[in-house]
Protein backbone atom coordinates (compact mmCIF):
# COMPACT_ATOMS: atom_id res chain seq x y z
CA UNK A 1 79.69 67.29 173.19
CA UNK A 2 80.59 69.94 170.63
CA UNK A 3 81.06 73.51 171.74
CA UNK A 4 78.57 76.00 170.32
CA UNK A 5 79.77 77.77 167.21
CA UNK A 6 80.22 81.48 167.92
CA UNK A 7 80.40 82.24 164.20
CA UNK A 8 84.17 82.58 163.90
CA UNK A 9 84.62 79.04 162.58
CA UNK A 10 81.99 79.65 159.91
CA UNK A 11 83.73 82.85 158.81
CA UNK A 12 87.09 81.04 158.55
CA UNK A 13 85.55 78.20 156.53
CA UNK A 14 83.93 80.69 154.15
CA UNK A 15 87.23 82.53 153.73
CA UNK A 16 89.06 79.28 152.95
CA UNK A 17 86.33 78.30 150.47
CA UNK A 18 86.60 81.71 148.78
CA UNK A 19 90.39 81.40 148.48
CA UNK A 20 90.09 77.87 147.10
CA UNK A 21 87.52 79.06 144.54
CA UNK A 22 90.00 81.75 143.50
CA UNK A 23 92.71 79.07 143.18
CA UNK A 24 90.42 76.99 140.95
CA UNK A 25 89.83 80.06 138.77
CA UNK A 26 93.57 80.68 138.53
CA UNK A 27 94.09 77.03 137.62
CA UNK A 28 91.43 77.15 134.89
CA UNK A 29 93.04 80.21 133.32
CA UNK A 30 95.59 78.02 131.52
CA UNK A 31 98.44 80.26 132.75
CA UNK A 32 99.70 78.01 135.53
CA UNK A 33 101.39 74.62 135.40
CA UNK A 34 100.59 73.31 138.90
CA UNK A 35 99.33 74.18 142.37
CA UNK A 36 102.64 75.70 143.42
CA UNK A 37 102.52 78.11 140.48
CA UNK A 38 98.91 79.00 141.32
CA UNK A 39 99.92 79.63 144.93
CA UNK A 40 102.77 81.91 143.82
CA UNK A 41 100.41 83.76 141.49
CA UNK A 42 97.87 84.24 144.25
CA UNK A 43 100.55 85.48 146.66
CA UNK A 44 101.76 87.93 144.01
CA UNK A 45 98.14 89.04 143.59
CA UNK A 46 97.97 89.86 147.31
CA UNK A 47 96.28 86.74 148.69
CA UNK A 48 98.36 86.28 151.82
CA UNK A 49 96.39 83.22 152.98
CA UNK A 50 96.83 81.20 149.78
CA UNK A 51 99.31 78.78 151.31
CA UNK A 52 97.11 78.07 154.34
CA UNK A 53 94.00 77.53 152.17
CA UNK A 54 95.88 75.16 149.83
CA UNK A 55 97.49 72.91 152.47
CA UNK A 56 95.05 70.02 151.93
CA UNK A 57 96.74 67.46 149.63
CA UNK A 58 93.46 66.69 147.85
CA UNK A 59 92.88 70.37 147.10
CA UNK A 60 96.47 70.69 145.82
CA UNK A 61 96.00 67.65 143.59
CA UNK A 62 92.71 69.01 142.23
CA UNK A 63 94.25 72.42 141.50
CA UNK A 64 97.18 70.75 139.69
CA UNK A 65 94.77 68.61 137.65
CA UNK A 66 92.80 71.70 136.65
CA UNK A 67 96.03 73.43 135.66
CA UNK A 68 97.11 70.53 133.49
CA UNK A 69 93.70 70.18 131.83
CA UNK A 70 93.38 73.85 131.06
CA UNK A 71 97.03 74.32 130.14
CA UNK A 72 96.58 71.53 127.59
CA UNK A 73 93.27 73.00 126.38
CA UNK A 74 94.85 76.46 126.04
CA UNK A 75 97.58 74.94 123.89
CA UNK A 76 94.97 73.31 121.67
CA UNK A 77 93.07 76.61 121.33
CA UNK A 78 96.29 78.41 120.38
CA UNK A 79 97.12 75.76 117.78
CA UNK A 80 93.58 75.93 116.36
CA UNK A 81 93.75 79.72 116.12
CA UNK A 82 97.12 79.49 114.36
CA UNK A 83 95.76 76.97 111.85
CA UNK A 84 92.65 79.07 111.24
CA UNK A 85 94.62 82.29 110.74
CA UNK A 86 97.05 80.53 108.39
CA UNK A 87 94.11 79.12 106.40
CA UNK A 88 92.38 82.51 106.19
CA UNK A 89 95.55 84.25 105.02
CA UNK A 90 96.04 81.62 102.59
């Protein structure tokens, strides 16, 4: 039989979910190459629990995939802006 939840487990789960949501936002920024870079960025930003929240290999893989998608998309946006500004100066 499961022990009754005294609320602490729920608080920890919410904190981990919040940190993971922050990692996904970092990944979508286009500034990071992979999960390790996101983790370093979060640690530098003061998120001391980033490593613990990102231990799950599936979460790490998802964060890396988001980084790669958005890093690629950011490159495309930069190229498009360069082409547009060149055309407008023209």
